Amino acid sequence: DPYCFALKMSILQYNGGSVIAMTGKNCVGIACDRRFGVQQLTLAGDFDKVFKINDKLFLGLPGLATDMQTLHEKLRYRVNMYRLREERDVSPKVFAKMVSSILYEHRWGPYFTEPVIGGLEGDKPFVCSMDLIGCPMVTDDFVVSGSSNESLLGICESLYIPDQSPEDLFETLSQCLLNAMDRDCISGWGATVHIITTTGVTSRNLRTRQD
């Protein structure tokens, strides 16, 4: 019964979507699927969930699409104010505190999104994920979030290798995301992968199953 399915579905999975960030040797990768839907109805295949904050920092926001856009605009405002005041770009660790603070401020009526942050702190990779009230989890390997997080965790634990080069990191990150999305009917319809290095950012779009 579709009505029963709607009742059981988490609001975090209403629009679907998955995000993953992974560390390499002096590089970090962050990737997302491109599907936008309402439960099992797909509406678009060009909906990115990863946003550029600066040249060495990206933010992934899976979850409820309206809250994702609201939170992104709030963070864009705060990052711009930080740049004006401090006359420098925000670092990943400072940005993670900023995101956590905003989410915890709204803990009584939270934004239904679980952010993933990936960036370079100097030349060292930094990845972090949070729950919807801003509790951070900083790791030195990978973080995942979104509707296929269980599949992503399992396959990342199998395929992840420490200190990969940017090209190897791209391959591992892509395979983890593509294989996890094949096991999740509300993620997919293409993917975007960003690899952040000390010299720049490489972004690629992947073609995936369209069903």
Protein backbone atom coordinates (compact mmCIF):
# COMPACT_ATOMS: atom_id res chain seq x y z
CA ASP A 1 0.00 0.00 0.00
CA PRO A 2 1.62 3.35 -1.07
CA TYR A 3 -0.06 5.14 1.87
CA CYS A 4 1.63 2.80 4.38
CA PHE A 5 4.98 3.31 2.63
CA ALA A 6 4.58 7.09 2.91
CA LEU A 7 3.87 6.82 6.63
CA LYS A 8 6.99 4.72 7.27
CA MET A 9 9.35 6.78 5.14
CA SER A 10 11.77 9.13 6.94
CA ILE A 11 11.47 12.80 5.94
CA LEU A 12 15.24 12.66 5.27
CA GLN A 13 14.51 10.20 2.43
CA TYR A 14 11.55 12.10 0.96
CA ASN A 15 13.59 13.56 -1.94
CA GLY A 16 16.25 10.81 -1.95
CA GLY A 17 19.93 11.34 -2.63
CA SER A 18 23.34 10.25 -1.36
CA VAL A 19 26.67 11.96 -0.66
CA ILE A 20 30.12 10.50 0.07
CA ALA A 21 33.49 12.06 0.94
CA MET A 22 36.81 10.18 1.01
CA THR A 23 40.43 11.05 1.79
CA GLY A 24 43.55 10.37 -0.28
CA LYS A 25 47.20 11.41 -0.16
CA ASN A 26 47.14 15.23 -0.02
CA CYS A 27 43.73 15.14 -1.72
CA VAL A 28 40.08 14.61 -0.87
CA GLY A 29 37.08 13.58 -2.95
CA ILE A 30 33.38 14.33 -2.53
CA ALA A 31 30.58 12.97 -4.71
CA CYS A 32 26.79 12.90 -4.95
CA ASP A 33 24.04 11.50 -7.14
CA ARG A 34 21.95 13.88 -9.31
CA ARG A 35 18.41 12.61 -8.80
CA PHE A 36 15.63 14.84 -7.50
CA GLY A 37 12.38 13.11 -6.71
CA VAL A 38 9.35 12.97 -4.46
CA GLN A 39 9.46 9.56 -2.83
CA GLN A 40 9.54 7.11 -5.78
CA LEU A 41 8.61 9.68 -8.45
CA THR A 42 11.69 11.06 -10.27
CA LEU A 43 11.33 14.71 -11.32
CA ALA A 44 14.84 15.69 -12.45
CA GLY A 45 18.25 14.20 -13.17
CA ASP A 46 20.43 17.32 -12.84
CA PHE A 47 20.04 18.15 -9.15
CA ASP A 48 23.46 18.49 -7.51
CA LYS A 49 23.74 18.13 -3.74
CA VAL A 50 27.38 19.21 -3.41
CA PHE A 51 28.24 22.92 -3.26
CA LYS A 52 31.58 24.70 -3.62
CA ILE A 53 32.42 26.86 -0.58
CA ASN A 54 35.92 27.83 -1.76
CA ASP A 55 38.74 26.32 -3.85
CA LYS A 56 39.65 23.81 -1.12
CA LEU A 57 36.30 23.18 0.54
CA PHE A 58 33.04 21.54 -0.60
CA LEU A 59 29.76 20.86 1.22
CA GLY A 60 27.33 18.00 0.52
CA LEU A 61 23.73 18.30 1.68
CA PRO A 62 21.54 15.20 1.24
CA GLY A 63 18.06 15.23 2.75
CA LEU A 64 14.94 17.36 2.29
CA ALA A 65 15.54 19.58 -0.76
CA THR A 66 13.88 22.72 0.66
CA ASP A 67 15.93 22.58 3.87
CA MET A 68 19.07 21.86 1.83
CA GLN A 69 18.60 25.06 -0.17
CA THR A 70 17.76 27.13 2.91
CA LEU A 71 20.81 25.88 4.82
CA HIS A 72 23.09 26.43 1.82
CA GLU A 73 21.98 30.07 1.52
CA LYS A 74 22.50 30.67 5.26
CA LEU A 75 25.98 29.17 5.08
CA ARG A 76 26.85 31.15 1.94
CA TYR A 77 25.95 34.35 3.81
CA ARG A 78 28.04 33.38 6.86
CA VAL A 79 31.04 32.35 4.75
CA ASN A 80 30.92 35.67 2.86
CA MET A 81 30.76 37.60 6.16
CA TYR A 82 33.69 35.55 7.50
CA ARG A 83 35.73 36.38 4.37
CA LEU A 84 34.96 40.09 4.74
CA ARG A 85 35.85 40.16 8.45
CA GLU A 86 38.89 37.88 8.45
CA GLU A 87 40.19 38.69 4.92
CA ARG A 88 40.87 35.00 4.23
CA ASP A 89 38.99 31.90 3.18
CA VAL A 90 37.33 29.78 5.84
CA SER A 91 39.19 26.54 6.65
CA PRO A 92 37.38 23.17 6.69
CA LYS A 93 37.62 22.82 10.50
CA VAL A 94 36.22 26.31 11.11
CA PHE A 95 33.49 25.71 8.52
CA ALA A 96 32.51 22.45 10.24
CA LYS A 97 32.05 24.36 13.51
CA MET A 98 29.95 26.94 11.65
CA VAL A 99 27.66 24.27 10.16
CA SER A 100 27.35 22.48 13.51
CA SER A 101 26.44 25.75 15.25
CA ILE A 102 23.67 26.61 12.76
CA LEU A 103 22.17 23.11 12.97
CA TYR A 104 22.23 23.08 16.76
CA GLU A 105 20.61 26.54 16.90
CA HIS A 106 17.61 24.98 15.14
CA ARG A 107 17.52 21.76 17.15
CA TRP A 108 13.87 22.24 18.22
CA GLY A 109 12.78 22.54 14.57
CA PRO A 110 15.77 21.07 12.72
CA TYR A 111 16.80 21.31 9.10
CA PHE A 112 16.20 17.84 7.72
CA THR A 113 19.63 17.41 6.16
CA GLU A 114 22.78 15.59 7.28
CA PRO A 115 25.79 17.53 5.91
CA VAL A 116 29.03 16.07 4.60
CA ILE A 117 32.11 18.32 4.49
CA GLY A 118 35.24 17.61 2.46
CA GLY A 119 38.28 19.84 2.05
CA LEU A 120 41.99 20.39 2.49
CA GLU A 121 43.37 21.85 5.73
CA GLY A 122 46.69 23.07 4.35
CA ASP A 123 47.67 19.94 2.41
CA LYS A 124 45.96 17.48 4.77
CA PRO A 125 42.56 16.01 3.85
CA PHE A 126 39.60 16.71 6.13
CA VAL A 127 36.23 14.93 5.98
CA CYS A 128 33.34 15.27 8.39
CA SER A 129 29.67 14.35 8.56
CA MET A 130 26.91 15.46 10.93
CA ASP A 131 23.44 14.50 12.00
CA LEU A 132 20.54 16.91 11.66
CA ILE A 133 21.28 18.67 14.98
CA GLY A 134 24.95 19.22 14.20
CA CYS A 135 26.81 16.44 16.06
CA PRO A 136 30.07 16.14 14.08
CA MET A 137 31.90 12.94 13.16
CA VAL A 138 35.42 13.62 11.90
CA THR A 139 37.27 10.62 10.43
CA ASP A 140 40.51 10.06 8.52
CA ASP A 141 39.06 7.74 5.84
CA PHE A 142 35.49 8.35 4.57
CA VAL A 143 32.07 9.63 5.56
CA VAL A 144 28.68 8.96 3.94
CA SER A 145 25.17 10.34 4.20
CA GLY A 146 21.82 10.05 2.48
CA SER A 147 19.31 7.38 1.54
CA SER A 148 21.91 4.75 0.54
CA ASN A 149 24.22 5.32 3.53
CA GLU A 150 24.16 1.68 4.66
CA SER A 151 25.18 0.38 1.22
CA LEU A 152 27.82 3.11 0.96
CA LEU A 153 29.33 2.23 4.33
CA GLY A 154 29.58 -1.45 3.46
CA ILE A 155 31.20 -0.96 0.08
CA CYS A 156 33.55 1.80 1.31
CA GLU A 157 34.83 -0.51 4.04
CA SER A 158 35.64 -3.06 1.32
CA LEU A 159 37.21 -0.79 -1.31
CA TYR A 160 38.86 2.04 0.63
CA ILE A 161 42.68 2.16 0.55
CA PRO A 162 44.60 4.83 2.53
CA ASP A 163 46.81 7.43 0.81
CA GLN A 164 45.52 7.02 -2.74
CA SER A 165 46.56 9.33 -5.57
CA PRO A 166 43.89 11.70 -6.99
CA GLU A 167 43.19 9.40 -9.98
CA ASP A 168 42.93 6.28 -7.80
CA LEU A 169 40.73 8.18 -5.34
CA PHE A 170 38.40 9.18 -8.19
CA GLU A 171 38.09 5.56 -9.29
CA THR A 172 37.43 4.23 -5.76
CA LEU A 173 34.96 7.01 -4.94
CA SER A 174 33.08 6.49 -8.20
CA GLN A 175 32.83 2.72 -7.80
CA CYS A 176 31.61 3.05 -4.19
CA LEU A 177 28.89 5.53 -5.15
CA LEU A 178 27.76 3.74 -8.33
CA ASN A 179 27.50 0.32 -6.69
CA ALA A 180 25.66 1.69 -3.65
CA MET A 181 23.18 3.58 -5.86
CA ASP A 182 22.36 0.36 -7.72
CA ARG A 183 20.93 -0.91 -4.43
CA ASP A 184 18.83 2.20 -3.71
CA CYS A 185 15.78 3.10 -5.80
CA ILE A 186 15.67 6.76 -4.65
CA SER A 187 19.29 7.62 -5.54
CA GLY A 188 20.98 7.65 -8.92
CA TRP A 189 20.28 9.20 -12.34
CA GLY A 190 23.89 10.31 -12.73
CA ALA A 191 26.62 11.38 -10.33
CA THR A 192 29.07 14.25 -9.85
CA VAL A 193 32.56 13.66 -8.42
CA HIS A 194 34.89 16.44 -7.21
CA ILE A 195 38.57 15.72 -6.45
CA ILE A 196 40.25 18.50 -4.45
CA THR A 197 44.06 18.73 -4.55
CA THR A 198 46.59 21.39 -3.53
CA THR A 199 46.74 22.57 -7.15
CA GLY A 200 43.01 22.73 -7.94
CA VAL A 201 39.69 20.93 -8.26
CA THR A 202 38.73 18.34 -10.88
CA SER A 203 34.99 17.80 -11.36
CA ARG A 204 33.49 15.02 -13.48
CA ASN A 205 29.93 13.92 -14.25
CA LEU A 206 29.25 10.18 -14.40
CA ARG A 207 26.53 8.49 -16.43
CA THR A 208 24.60 5.85 -14.52
CA ARG A 209 21.51 3.72 -14.92
CA GLN A 210 18.40 5.81 -15.69
CA ASP A 211 15.85 3.52 -14.08
